[in-house]
Amino acid sequence: MKSKFSVKLGKLRREKGLSQRQAAAELGISQALLSHYETGAREPKLDFVIKACEYYSVSADYILGRTDERGDKQSVLSRKVSGFIEQFEILEAEEAVLIKKLKKITEEY
């Protein structure tokens, strides 16, 4: 049975339009090993999970199937706050300043 990791790993590779051979070369493993990871025949070590997260620009929670949000919690929060600010840019200048201060505060964390 395929793990959530194996499903996500294959999906991310296909989204990039890469063959297993291409992705494996860029990830520093053999095509056969990548195939095993994508079919769920083998479980990866932590160092590969980290490398895959960096390569595909996703969080470990996403690639492990713990969330549908691709980024880490901070980047998700930042995107949501940014979207919120865009919706309220029509507010009067004083109110807009307060919202921008909120965005700055959240970006600092």
PDB file of N, CA and C in Angstrom:
ATOM      1  N   MET A   1       0.833  -1.184   0.000  1.00  0.00           N
ATOM      2  CA  MET A   1       0.000   0.000   0.000  1.00  0.00           C
ATOM      3  C   MET A   1       0.878   1.248   0.000  1.00  0.00           C
ATOM      4  N   LYS A   2       0.508   2.205  -0.828  1.00  0.00           N
ATOM      5  CA  LYS A   2       1.287   3.417  -0.929  1.00  0.00           C
ATOM      6  C   LYS A   2       1.083   4.304   0.300  1.00  0.00           C
ATOM      7  N   SER A   3       2.180   4.887   0.764  1.00  0.00           N
ATOM      8  CA  SER A   3       2.089   5.845   1.859  1.00  0.00           C
ATOM      9  C   SER A   3       1.730   7.211   1.286  1.00  0.00           C
ATOM     10  N   LYS A   4       1.314   8.101   2.160  1.00  0.00           N
ATOM     11  CA  LYS A   4       1.032   9.467   1.711  1.00  0.00           C
ATOM     12  C   LYS A   4       2.289  10.091   1.121  1.00  0.00           C
ATOM     13  N   PHE A   5       3.440   9.765   1.707  1.00  0.00           N
ATOM     14  CA  PHE A   5       4.706  10.300   1.200  1.00  0.00           C
ATOM     15  C   PHE A   5       4.942   9.855  -0.234  1.00  0.00           C
ATOM     16  N   SER A   6       4.769   8.585  -0.505  1.00  0.00           N
ATOM     17  CA  SER A   6       5.054   8.090  -1.852  1.00  0.00           C
ATOM     18  C   SER A   6       4.123   8.721  -2.881  1.00  0.00           C
ATOM     19  N   VAL A   7       2.863   8.910  -2.524  1.00  0.00           N
ATOM     20  CA  VAL A   7       1.901   9.538  -3.430  1.00  0.00           C
ATOM     21  C   VAL A   7       2.304  10.989  -3.703  1.00  0.00           C
ATOM     22  N   LYS A   8       2.621  11.729  -2.640  1.00  0.00           N
ATOM     23  CA  LYS A   8       3.001  13.146  -2.792  1.00  0.00           C
ATOM     24  C   LYS A   8       4.294  13.276  -3.585  1.00  0.00           C
ATOM     25  N   LEU A   9       5.256  12.395  -3.332  1.00  0.00           N
ATOM     26  CA  LEU A   9       6.542  12.462  -4.021  1.00  0.00           C
ATOM     27  C   LEU A   9       6.354  12.302  -5.532  1.00  0.00           C
ATOM     28  N   GLY A  10       5.585  11.322  -5.927  1.00  0.00           N
ATOM     29  CA  GLY A  10       5.316  11.116  -7.350  1.00  0.00           C
ATOM     30  C   GLY A  10       4.546  12.278  -7.959  1.00  0.00           C
ATOM     31  N   LYS A  11       3.574  12.792  -7.227  1.00  0.00           N
ATOM     32  CA  LYS A  11       2.767  13.910  -7.704  1.00  0.00           C
ATOM     33  C   LYS A  11       3.637  15.147  -7.931  1.00  0.00           C
ATOM     34  N   LEU A  12       4.505  15.450  -6.989  1.00  0.00           N
ATOM     35  CA  LEU A  12       5.377  16.624  -7.111  1.00  0.00           C
ATOM     36  C   LEU A  12       6.303  16.497  -8.319  1.00  0.00           C
ATOM     37  N   ARG A  13       6.836  15.299  -8.537  1.00  0.00           N
ATOM     38  CA  ARG A  13       7.724  15.090  -9.681  1.00  0.00           C
ATOM     39  C   ARG A  13       6.969  15.296 -10.989  1.00  0.00           C
ATOM     40  N   ARG A  14       5.789  14.721 -11.088  1.00  0.00           N
ATOM     41  CA  ARG A  14       4.999  14.862 -12.314  1.00  0.00           C
ATOM     42  C   ARG A  14       4.582  16.318 -12.549  1.00  0.00           C
ATOM     43  N   GLU A  15       4.271  17.040 -11.484  1.00  0.00           N
ATOM     44  CA  GLU A  15       3.914  18.460 -11.620  1.00  0.00           C
ATOM     45  C   GLU A  15       5.057  19.266 -12.227  1.00  0.00           C
ATOM     46  N   LYS A  16       6.280  18.867 -11.920  1.00  0.00           N
ATOM     47  CA  LYS A  16       7.450  19.549 -12.490  1.00  0.00           C
ATOM     48  C   LYS A  16       7.765  19.066 -13.905  1.00  0.00           C
ATOM     49  N   GLY A  17       7.034  18.065 -14.361  1.00  0.00           N
ATOM     50  CA  GLY A  17       7.249  17.541 -15.698  1.00  0.00           C
ATOM     51  C   GLY A  17       8.547  16.768 -15.841  1.00  0.00           C
ATOM     52  N   LEU A  18       8.967  16.116 -14.765  1.00  0.00           N
ATOM     53  CA  LEU A  18      10.235  15.389 -14.762  1.00  0.00           C
ATOM     54  C   LEU A  18      10.020  13.883 -14.838  1.00  0.00           C
ATOM     55  N   SER A  19      10.945  13.217 -15.493  1.00  0.00           N
ATOM     56  CA  SER A  19      10.952  11.757 -15.447  1.00  0.00           C
ATOM     57  C   SER A  19      11.570  11.345 -14.116  1.00  0.00           C
ATOM     58  N   GLN A  20      11.389  10.088 -13.754  1.00  0.00           N
ATOM     59  CA  GLN A  20      12.035   9.596 -12.540  1.00  0.00           C
ATOM     60  C   GLN A  20      13.542   9.730 -12.659  1.00  0.00           C
ATOM     61  N   ARG A  21      14.070   9.461 -13.828  1.00  0.00           N
ATOM     62  CA  ARG A  21      15.510   9.534 -14.049  1.00  0.00           C
ATOM     63  C   ARG A  21      16.029  10.953 -13.794  1.00  0.00           C
ATOM     64  N   GLN A  22      15.321  11.954 -14.335  1.00  0.00           N
ATOM     65  CA  GLN A  22      15.743  13.347 -14.155  1.00  0.00           C
ATOM     66  C   GLN A  22      15.681  13.760 -12.687  1.00  0.00           C
ATOM     67  N   ALA A  23      14.552  13.467 -12.039  1.00  0.00           N
ATOM     68  CA  ALA A  23      14.381  13.847 -10.638  1.00  0.00           C
ATOM     69  C   ALA A  23      15.404  13.137  -9.758  1.00  0.00           C
ATOM     70  N   ALA A  24      15.616  11.861 -10.014  1.00  0.00           N
ATOM     71  CA  ALA A  24      16.572  11.088  -9.216  1.00  0.00           C
ATOM     72  C   ALA A  24      17.975  11.688  -9.332  1.00  0.00           C
ATOM     73  N   ALA A  25      18.364  12.054 -10.541  1.00  0.00           N
ATOM     74  CA  ALA A  25      19.696  12.642 -10.739  1.00  0.00           C
ATOM     75  C   ALA A  25      19.832  13.931  -9.945  1.00  0.00           C
ATOM     76  N   GLU A  26      18.798  14.754  -9.980  1.00  0.00           N
ATOM     77  CA  GLU A  26      18.859  16.029  -9.262  1.00  0.00           C
ATOM     78  C   GLU A  26      18.781  15.843  -7.752  1.00  0.00           C
ATOM     79  N   LEU A  27      18.157  14.765  -7.312  1.00  0.00           N
ATOM     80  CA  LEU A  27      18.060  14.481  -5.880  1.00  0.00           C
ATOM     81  C   LEU A  27      19.244  13.656  -5.373  1.00  0.00           C
ATOM     82  N   GLY A  28      20.102  13.225  -6.267  1.00  0.00           N
ATOM     83  CA  GLY A  28      21.307  12.502  -5.867  1.00  0.00           C
ATOM     84  C   GLY A  28      21.090  11.045  -5.496  1.00  0.00           C
ATOM     85  N   ILE A  29      20.060  10.425  -6.092  1.00  0.00           N
ATOM     86  CA  ILE A  29      19.806   9.005  -5.852  1.00  0.00           C
ATOM     87  C   ILE A  29      19.603   8.308  -7.197  1.00  0.00           C
ATOM     88  N   SER A  30      19.525   6.999  -7.172  1.00  0.00           N
ATOM     89  CA  SER A  30      19.292   6.264  -8.416  1.00  0.00           C
ATOM     90  C   SER A  30      17.812   6.327  -8.798  1.00  0.00           C
ATOM     91  N   GLN A  31      17.563   6.104 -10.079  1.00  0.00           N
ATOM     92  CA  GLN A  31      16.174   6.077 -10.567  1.00  0.00           C
ATOM     93  C   GLN A  31      15.426   4.925  -9.905  1.00  0.00           C
ATOM     94  N   ALA A  32      16.103   3.808  -9.707  1.00  0.00           N
ATOM     95  CA  ALA A  32      15.466   2.640  -9.082  1.00  0.00           C
ATOM     96  C   ALA A  32      15.025   2.961  -7.652  1.00  0.00           C
ATOM     97  N   LEU A  33      15.878   3.663  -6.898  1.00  0.00           N
ATOM     98  CA  LEU A  33      15.522   4.005  -5.527  1.00  0.00           C
ATOM     99  C   LEU A  33      14.343   4.979  -5.501  1.00  0.00           C
ATOM    100  N   LEU A  34      14.349   5.964  -6.402  1.00  0.00           N
ATOM    101  CA  LEU A  34      13.222   6.897  -6.466  1.00  0.00           C
ATOM    102  C   LEU A  34      11.938   6.138  -6.798  1.00  0.00           C
ATOM    103  N   SER A  35      12.027   5.184  -7.703  1.00  0.00           N
ATOM    104  CA  SER A  35      10.870   4.368  -8.045  1.00  0.00           C
ATOM    105  C   SER A  35      10.348   3.628  -6.814  1.00  0.00           C
ATOM    106  N   HIS A  36      11.256   3.079  -6.022  1.00  0.00           N
ATOM    107  CA  HIS A  36      10.855   2.376  -4.796  1.00  0.00           C
ATOM    108  C   HIS A  36      10.161   3.325  -3.823  1.00  0.00           C
ATOM    109  N   TYR A  37      10.674   4.551  -3.703  1.00  0.00           N
ATOM    110  CA  TYR A  37      10.045   5.538  -2.816  1.00  0.00           C
ATOM    111  C   TYR A  37       8.648   5.890  -3.320  1.00  0.00           C
ATOM    112  N   GLU A  38       8.507   6.066  -4.637  1.00  0.00           N
ATOM    113  CA  GLU A  38       7.219   6.474  -5.206  1.00  0.00           C
ATOM    114  C   GLU A  38       6.181   5.356  -5.186  1.00  0.00           C
ATOM    115  N   THR A  39       6.614   4.124  -5.223  1.00  0.00           N
ATOM    116  CA  THR A  39       5.665   3.005  -5.156  1.00  0.00           C
ATOM    117  C   THR A  39       5.380   2.577  -3.718  1.00  0.00           C
ATOM    118  N   GLY A  40       6.164   3.079  -2.795  1.00  0.00           N
ATOM    119  CA  GLY A  40       5.992   2.706  -1.397  1.00  0.00           C
ATOM    120  C   GLY A  40       6.712   1.436  -1.024  1.00  0.00           C
ATOM    121  N   ALA A  41       7.536   0.904  -1.943  1.00  0.00           N
ATOM    122  CA  ALA A  41       8.276  -0.327  -1.663  1.00  0.00           C
ATOM    123  C   ALA A  41       9.362  -0.107  -0.609  1.00  0.00           C
ATOM    124  N   ARG A  42       9.870   1.134  -0.540  1.00  0.00           N
ATOM    125  CA  ARG A  42      10.902   1.480   0.456  1.00  0.00           C
ATOM    126  C   ARG A  42      10.538   2.796   1.103  1.00  0.00           C
ATOM    127  N   GLU A  43      10.912   2.935   2.357  1.00  0.00           N
ATOM    128  CA  GLU A  43      10.704   4.187   3.091  1.00  0.00           C
ATOM    129  C   GLU A  43      12.017   4.966   3.106  1.00  0.00           C
ATOM    130  N   PRO A  44      11.960   6.260   2.837  1.00  0.00           N
ATOM    131  CA  PRO A  44      13.197   7.048   2.796  1.00  0.00           C
ATOM    132  C   PRO A  44      13.713   7.387   4.187  1.00  0.00           C
ATOM    133  N   LYS A  45      14.985   7.714   4.239  1.00  0.00           N
ATOM    134  CA  LYS A  45      15.572   8.221   5.475  1.00  0.00           C
ATOM    135  C   LYS A  45      15.259   9.706   5.579  1.00  0.00           C
ATOM    136  N   LEU A  46      15.431  10.230   6.760  1.00  0.00           N
ATOM    137  CA  LEU A  46      15.118  11.636   7.023  1.00  0.00           C
ATOM    138  C   LEU A  46      15.881  12.583   6.108  1.00  0.00           C
ATOM    139  N   ASP A  47      17.148  12.290   5.830  1.00  0.00           N
ATOM    140  CA  ASP A  47      17.933  13.203   4.987  1.00  0.00           C
ATOM    141  C   ASP A  47      17.343  13.317   3.581  1.00  0.00           C
ATOM    142  N   PHE A  48      16.758  12.239   3.063  1.00  0.00           N
ATOM    143  CA  PHE A  48      16.128  12.325   1.750  1.00  0.00           C
ATOM    144  C   PHE A  48      14.832  13.125   1.822  1.00  0.00           C
ATOM    145  N   VAL A  49      14.056  12.947   2.872  1.00  0.00           N
ATOM    146  CA  VAL A  49      12.812  13.708   3.026  1.00  0.00           C
ATOM    147  C   VAL A  49      13.128  15.202   3.033  1.00  0.00           C
ATOM    148  N   ILE A  50      14.162  15.584   3.763  1.00  0.00           N
ATOM    149  CA  ILE A  50      14.573  16.993   3.823  1.00  0.00           C
ATOM    150  C   ILE A  50      14.998  17.474   2.443  1.00  0.00           C
ATOM    151  N   LYS A  51      15.801  16.682   1.759  1.00  0.00           N
ATOM    152  CA  LYS A  51      16.267  17.061   0.418  1.00  0.00           C
ATOM    153  C   LYS A  51      15.091  17.212  -0.546  1.00  0.00           C
ATOM    154  N   ALA A  52      14.127  16.304  -0.480  1.00  0.00           N
ATOM    155  CA  ALA A  52      12.953  16.371  -1.354  1.00  0.00           C
ATOM    156  C   ALA A  52      12.118  17.616  -1.042  1.00  0.00           C
ATOM    157  N   CYS A  53      11.973  17.939   0.222  1.00  0.00           N
ATOM    158  CA  CYS A  53      11.227  19.148   0.606  1.00  0.00           C
ATOM    159  C   CYS A  53      11.890  20.392   0.027  1.00  0.00           C
ATOM    160  N   GLU A  54      13.200  20.464   0.143  1.00  0.00           N
ATOM    161  CA  GLU A  54      13.933  21.618  -0.396  1.00  0.00           C
ATOM    162  C   GLU A  54      13.836  21.657  -1.915  1.00  0.00           C
ATOM    163  N   TYR A  55      13.977  20.518  -2.554  1.00  0.00           N
ATOM    164  CA  TYR A  55      13.954  20.444  -4.014  1.00  0.00           C
ATOM    165  C   TYR A  55      12.599  20.868  -4.573  1.00  0.00           C
ATOM    166  N   TYR A  56      11.524  20.399  -3.951  1.00  0.00           N
ATOM    167  CA  TYR A  56      10.182  20.707  -4.437  1.00  0.00           C
ATOM    168  C   TYR A  56       9.573  21.946  -3.769  1.00  0.00           C
ATOM    169  N   SER A  57      10.308  22.559  -2.868  1.00  0.00           N
ATOM    170  CA  SER A  57       9.848  23.775  -2.162  1.00  0.00           C
ATOM    171  C   SER A  57       8.522  23.553  -1.438  1.00  0.00           C
ATOM    172  N   VAL A  58       8.466  22.487  -0.665  1.00  0.00           N
ATOM    173  CA  VAL A  58       7.284  22.189   0.137  1.00  0.00           C
ATOM    174  C   VAL A  58       7.715  21.887   1.571  1.00  0.00           C
ATOM    175  N   SER A  59       6.770  21.936   2.478  1.00  0.00           N
ATOM    176  CA  SER A  59       7.070  21.613   3.875  1.00  0.00           C
ATOM    177  C   SER A  59       7.094  20.101   4.074  1.00  0.00           C
ATOM    178  N   ALA A  60       7.721  19.684   5.160  1.00  0.00           N
ATOM    179  CA  ALA A  60       7.731  18.261   5.503  1.00  0.00           C
ATOM    180  C   ALA A  60       6.304  17.798   5.828  1.00  0.00           C
ATOM    181  N   ASP A  61       5.515  18.655   6.462  1.00  0.00           N
ATOM    182  CA  ASP A  61       4.130  18.288   6.759  1.00  0.00           C
ATOM    183  C   ASP A  61       3.363  17.993   5.478  1.00  0.00           C
ATOM    184  N   TYR A  62       3.627  18.761   4.415  1.00  0.00           N
ATOM    185  CA  TYR A  62       2.931  18.521   3.157  1.00  0.00           C
ATOM    186  C   TYR A  62       3.375  17.196   2.537  1.00  0.00           C
ATOM    187  N   ILE A  63       4.675  17.005   2.386  1.00  0.00           N
ATOM    188  CA  ILE A  63       5.165  15.815   1.684  1.00  0.00           C
ATOM    189  C   ILE A  63       4.866  14.529   2.464  1.00  0.00           C
ATOM    190  N   LEU A  64       4.710  14.648   3.774  1.00  0.00           N
ATOM    191  CA  LEU A  64       4.366  13.480   4.593  1.00  0.00           C
ATOM    192  C   LEU A  64       2.859  13.269   4.690  1.00  0.00           C
ATOM    193  N   GLY A  65       2.083  14.159   4.067  1.00  0.00           N
ATOM    194  CA  GLY A  65       0.642  13.997   4.036  1.00  0.00           C
ATOM    195  C   GLY A  65      -0.085  14.480   5.272  1.00  0.00           C
ATOM    196  N   ARG A  66       0.570  15.313   6.076  1.00  0.00           N
ATOM    197  CA  ARG A  66      -0.053  15.814   7.305  1.00  0.00           C
ATOM    198  C   ARG A  66      -0.902  17.053   7.072  1.00  0.00           C
ATOM    199  N   THR A  67      -0.709  17.726   5.919  1.00  0.00           N
ATOM    200  CA  THR A  67      -1.482  18.916   5.583  1.00  0.00           C
ATOM    201  C   THR A  67      -1.557  19.042   4.065  1.00  0.00           C
ATOM    202  N   ASP A  68      -2.536  19.800   3.606  1.00  0.00           N
ATOM    203  CA  ASP A  68      -2.643  20.078   2.180  1.00  0.00           C
ATOM    204  C   ASP A  68      -1.964  21.397   1.818  1.00  0.00           C
ATOM    205  N   GLU A  69      -1.503  22.139   2.831  1.00  0.00           N
ATOM    206  CA  GLU A  69      -0.781  23.389   2.608  1.00  0.00           C
ATOM    207  C   GLU A  69       0.659  23.048   2.249  1.00  0.00           C
ATOM    208  N   ARG A  70       1.125  23.549   1.113  1.00  0.00           N
ATOM    209  CA  ARG A  70       2.461  23.183   0.644  1.00  0.00           C
ATOM    210  C   ARG A  70       3.590  23.857   1.407  1.00  0.00           C
ATOM    211  N   GLY A  71       3.348  25.034   1.934  1.00  0.00           N
ATOM    212  CA  GLY A  71       4.405  25.761   2.629  1.00  0.00           C
ATOM    213  C   GLY A  71       4.398  25.485   4.119  1.00  0.00           C
ATOM    214  N   ASP A  72       5.402  26.040   4.800  1.00  0.00           N
ATOM    215  CA  ASP A  72       5.416  25.897   6.238  1.00  0.00           C
ATOM    216  C   ASP A  72       4.356  26.826   6.836  1.00  0.00           C
ATOM    217  N   LYS A  73       4.080  26.681   8.105  1.00  0.00           N
ATOM    218  CA  LYS A  73       3.003  27.444   8.727  1.00  0.00           C
ATOM    219  C   LYS A  73       3.218  28.944   8.606  1.00  0.00           C
ATOM    220  N   GLN A  74       4.457  29.385   8.729  1.00  0.00           N
ATOM    221  CA  GLN A  74       4.736  30.814   8.642  1.00  0.00           C
ATOM    222  C   GLN A  74       4.441  31.355   7.248  1.00  0.00           C
ATOM    223  N   SER A  75       4.851  30.639   6.209  1.00  0.00           N
ATOM    224  CA  SER A  75       4.602  31.140   4.862  1.00  0.00           C
ATOM    225  C   SER A  75       3.111  31.086   4.525  1.00  0.00           C
ATOM    226  N   VAL A  76       2.407  30.088   5.047  1.00  0.00           N
ATOM    227  CA  VAL A  76       0.962  30.017   4.844  1.00  0.00           C
ATOM    228  C   VAL A  76       0.296  31.203   5.525  1.00  0.00           C
ATOM    229  N   LEU A  77       0.693  31.488   6.762  1.00  0.00           N
ATOM    230  CA  LEU A  77       0.144  32.631   7.483  1.00  0.00           C
ATOM    231  C   LEU A  77       0.438  33.929   6.746  1.00  0.00           C
ATOM    232  N   SER A  78       1.659  34.080   6.278  1.00  0.00           N
ATOM    233  CA  SER A  78       2.046  35.284   5.561  1.00  0.00           C
ATOM    234  C   SER A  78       1.205  35.469   4.296  1.00  0.00           C
ATOM    235  N   ARG A  79       0.975  34.381   3.544  1.00  0.00           N
ATOM    236  CA  ARG A  79       0.142  34.467   2.337  1.00  0.00           C
ATOM    237  C   ARG A  79      -1.287  34.851   2.679  1.00  0.00           C
ATOM    238  N   LYS A  80      -1.816  34.279   3.755  1.00  0.00           N
ATOM    239  CA  LYS A  80      -3.189  34.589   4.145  1.00  0.00           C
ATOM    240  C   LYS A  80      -3.316  36.045   4.578  1.00  0.00           C
ATOM    241  N   VAL A  81      -2.352  36.515   5.337  1.00  0.00           N
ATOM    242  CA  VAL A  81      -2.382  37.917   5.761  1.00  0.00           C
ATOM    243  C   VAL A  81      -2.239  38.827   4.551  1.00  0.00           C
ATOM    244  N   SER A  82      -1.369  38.470   3.622  1.00  0.00           N
ATOM    245  CA  SER A  82      -1.205  39.272   2.406  1.00  0.00           C
ATOM    246  C   SER A  82      -2.511  39.354   1.626  1.00  0.00           C
ATOM    247  N   GLY A  83      -3.197  38.239   1.508  1.00  0.00           N
ATOM    248  CA  GLY A  83      -4.481  38.232   0.815  1.00  0.00           C
ATOM    249  C   GLY A  83      -5.511  39.090   1.533  1.00  0.00           C
ATOM    250  N   PHE A  84      -5.495  39.032   2.838  1.00  0.00           N
ATOM    251  CA  PHE A  84      -6.395  39.843   3.650  1.00  0.00           C
ATOM    252  C   PHE A  84      -6.132  41.331   3.405  1.00  0.00           C
ATOM    253  N   ILE A  85      -4.874  41.699   3.381  1.00  0.00           N
ATOM    254  CA  ILE A  85      -4.508  43.099   3.164  1.00  0.00           C
ATOM    255  C   ILE A  85      -4.956  43.574   1.786  1.00  0.00           C
ATOM    256  N   GLU A  86      -4.757  42.742   0.787  1.00  0.00           N
ATOM    257  CA  GLU A  86      -5.173  43.118  -0.566  1.00  0.00           C
ATOM    258  C   GLU A  86      -6.667  43.408  -0.631  1.00  0.00           C
ATOM    259  N   GLN A  87      -7.459  42.660   0.106  1.00  0.00           N
ATOM    260  CA  GLN A  87      -8.906  42.848   0.094  1.00  0.00           C
ATOM    261  C   GLN A  87      -9.324  44.157   0.752  1.00  0.00           C
ATOM    262  N   PHE A  88      -8.515  44.668   1.629  1.00  0.00           N
ATOM    263  CA  PHE A  88      -8.888  45.864   2.371  1.00  0.00           C
ATOM    264  C   PHE A  88      -8.097  47.110   1.989  1.00  0.00           C
ATOM    265  N   GLU A  89      -7.411  47.080   0.863  1.00  0.00           N
ATOM    266  CA  GLU A  89      -6.633  48.237   0.445  1.00  0.00           C
ATOM    267  C   GLU A  89      -7.513  49.443   0.128  1.00  0.00           C
ATOM    268  N   ILE A  90      -8.791  49.227  -0.027  1.00  0.00           N
ATOM    269  CA  ILE A  90      -9.694  50.337  -0.310  1.00  0.00           C
ATOM    270  C   ILE A  90     -10.108  51.091   0.956  1.00  0.00           C
ATOM    271  N   LEU A  91      -9.703  50.578   2.104  1.00  0.00           N
ATOM    272  CA  LEU A  91     -10.050  51.248   3.361  1.00  0.00           C
ATOM    273  C   LEU A  91      -9.398  52.630   3.440  1.00  0.00           C
ATOM    274  N   GLU A  92      -9.908  53.406   4.311  1.00  0.00           N
ATOM    275  CA  GLU A  92      -9.316  54.718   4.524  1.00  0.00           C
ATOM    276  C   GLU A  92      -7.854  54.546   4.932  1.00  0.00           C
ATOM    277  N   ALA A  93      -7.072  55.551   4.699  1.00  0.00           N
ATOM    278  CA  ALA A  93      -5.618  55.485   4.904  1.00  0.00           C
ATOM    279  C   ALA A  93      -5.252  55.026   6.316  1.00  0.00           C
ATOM    280  N   GLU A  94      -5.920  55.522   7.318  1.00  0.00           N
ATOM    281  CA  GLU A  94      -5.579  55.163   8.692  1.00  0.00           C
ATOM    282  C   GLU A  94      -5.801  53.679   8.961  1.00  0.00           C
ATOM    283  N   GLU A  95      -6.893  53.137   8.485  1.00  0.00           N
ATOM    284  CA  GLU A  95      -7.182  51.723   8.678  1.00  0.00           C
ATOM    285  C   GLU A  95      -6.184  50.853   7.908  1.00  0.00           C
ATOM    286  N   ALA A  96      -5.826  51.284   6.717  1.00  0.00           N
ATOM    287  CA  ALA A  96      -4.862  50.537   5.917  1.00  0.00           C
ATOM    288  C   ALA A  96      -3.503  50.478   6.602  1.00  0.00           C
ATOM    289  N   VAL A  97      -3.113  51.561   7.251  1.00  0.00           N
ATOM    290  CA  VAL A  97      -1.834  51.590   7.965  1.00  0.00           C
ATOM    291  C   VAL A  97      -1.826  50.547   9.077  1.00  0.00           C
ATOM    292  N   LEU A  98      -2.921  50.430   9.791  1.00  0.00           N
ATOM    293  CA  LEU A  98      -3.006  49.441  10.866  1.00  0.00           C
ATOM    294  C   LEU A  98      -2.872  48.013  10.325  1.00  0.00           C
ATOM    295  N   ILE A  99      -3.507  47.748   9.213  1.00  0.00           N
ATOM    296  CA  ILE A  99      -3.427  46.411   8.620  1.00  0.00           C
ATOM    297  C   ILE A  99      -2.006  46.127   8.151  1.00  0.00           C
ATOM    298  N   LYS A 100      -1.337  47.091   7.569  1.00  0.00           N
ATOM    299  CA  LYS A 100       0.042  46.901   7.121  1.00  0.00           C
ATOM    300  C   LYS A 100       0.973  46.652   8.308  1.00  0.00           C
ATOM    301  N   LYS A 101       0.708  47.298   9.434  1.00  0.00           N
ATOM    302  CA  LYS A 101       1.497  47.049  10.641  1.00  0.00           C
ATOM    303  C   LYS A 101       1.303  45.608  11.105  1.00  0.00           C
ATOM    304  N   LEU A 102       0.073  45.116  10.990  1.00  0.00           N
ATOM    305  CA  LEU A 102      -0.208  43.725  11.352  1.00  0.00           C
ATOM    306  C   LEU A 102       0.574  42.783  10.457  1.00  0.00           C
ATOM    307  N   LYS A 103       0.602  43.061   9.170  1.00  0.00           N
ATOM    308  CA  LYS A 103       1.359  42.228   8.241  1.00  0.00           C
ATOM    309  C   LYS A 103       2.841  42.214   8.602  1.00  0.00           C
ATOM    310  N   LYS A 104       3.395  43.386   8.917  1.00  0.00           N
ATOM    311  CA  LYS A 104       4.820  43.484   9.260  1.00  0.00           C
ATOM    312  C   LYS A 104       5.114  42.662  10.511  1.00  0.00           C
ATOM    313  N   ILE A 105       4.243  42.752  11.487  1.00  0.00           N
ATOM    314  CA  ILE A 105       4.442  42.004  12.733  1.00  0.00           C
ATOM    315  C   ILE A 105       4.450  40.500  12.455  1.00  0.00           C
ATOM    316  N   THR A 106       3.503  40.024  11.644  1.00  0.00           N
ATOM    317  CA  THR A 106       3.443  38.582  11.364  1.00  0.00           C
ATOM    318  C   THR A 106       4.629  38.118  10.527  1.00  0.00           C
ATOM    319  N   GLU A 107       5.153  38.961   9.661  1.00  0.00           N
ATOM    320  CA  GLU A 107       6.310  38.580   8.851  1.00  0.00           C
ATOM    321  C   GLU A 107       7.569  38.479   9.687  1.00  0.00           C
ATOM    322  N   GLU A 108       7.638  39.206  10.793  1.00  0.00           N
ATOM    323  CA  GLU A 108       8.813  39.156  11.659  1.00  0.00           C
ATOM    324  C   GLU A 108       8.908  37.846  12.426  1.00  0.00           C
ATOM    325  N   TYR A 109       7.815  37.118  12.513  1.00  0.00           N
ATOM    326  CA  TYR A 109       7.808  35.829  13.205  1.00  0.00           C
ATOM    327  C   TYR A 109       7.977  34.775  12.192  1.00  0.00           C
TER     328      TYR A 109
END
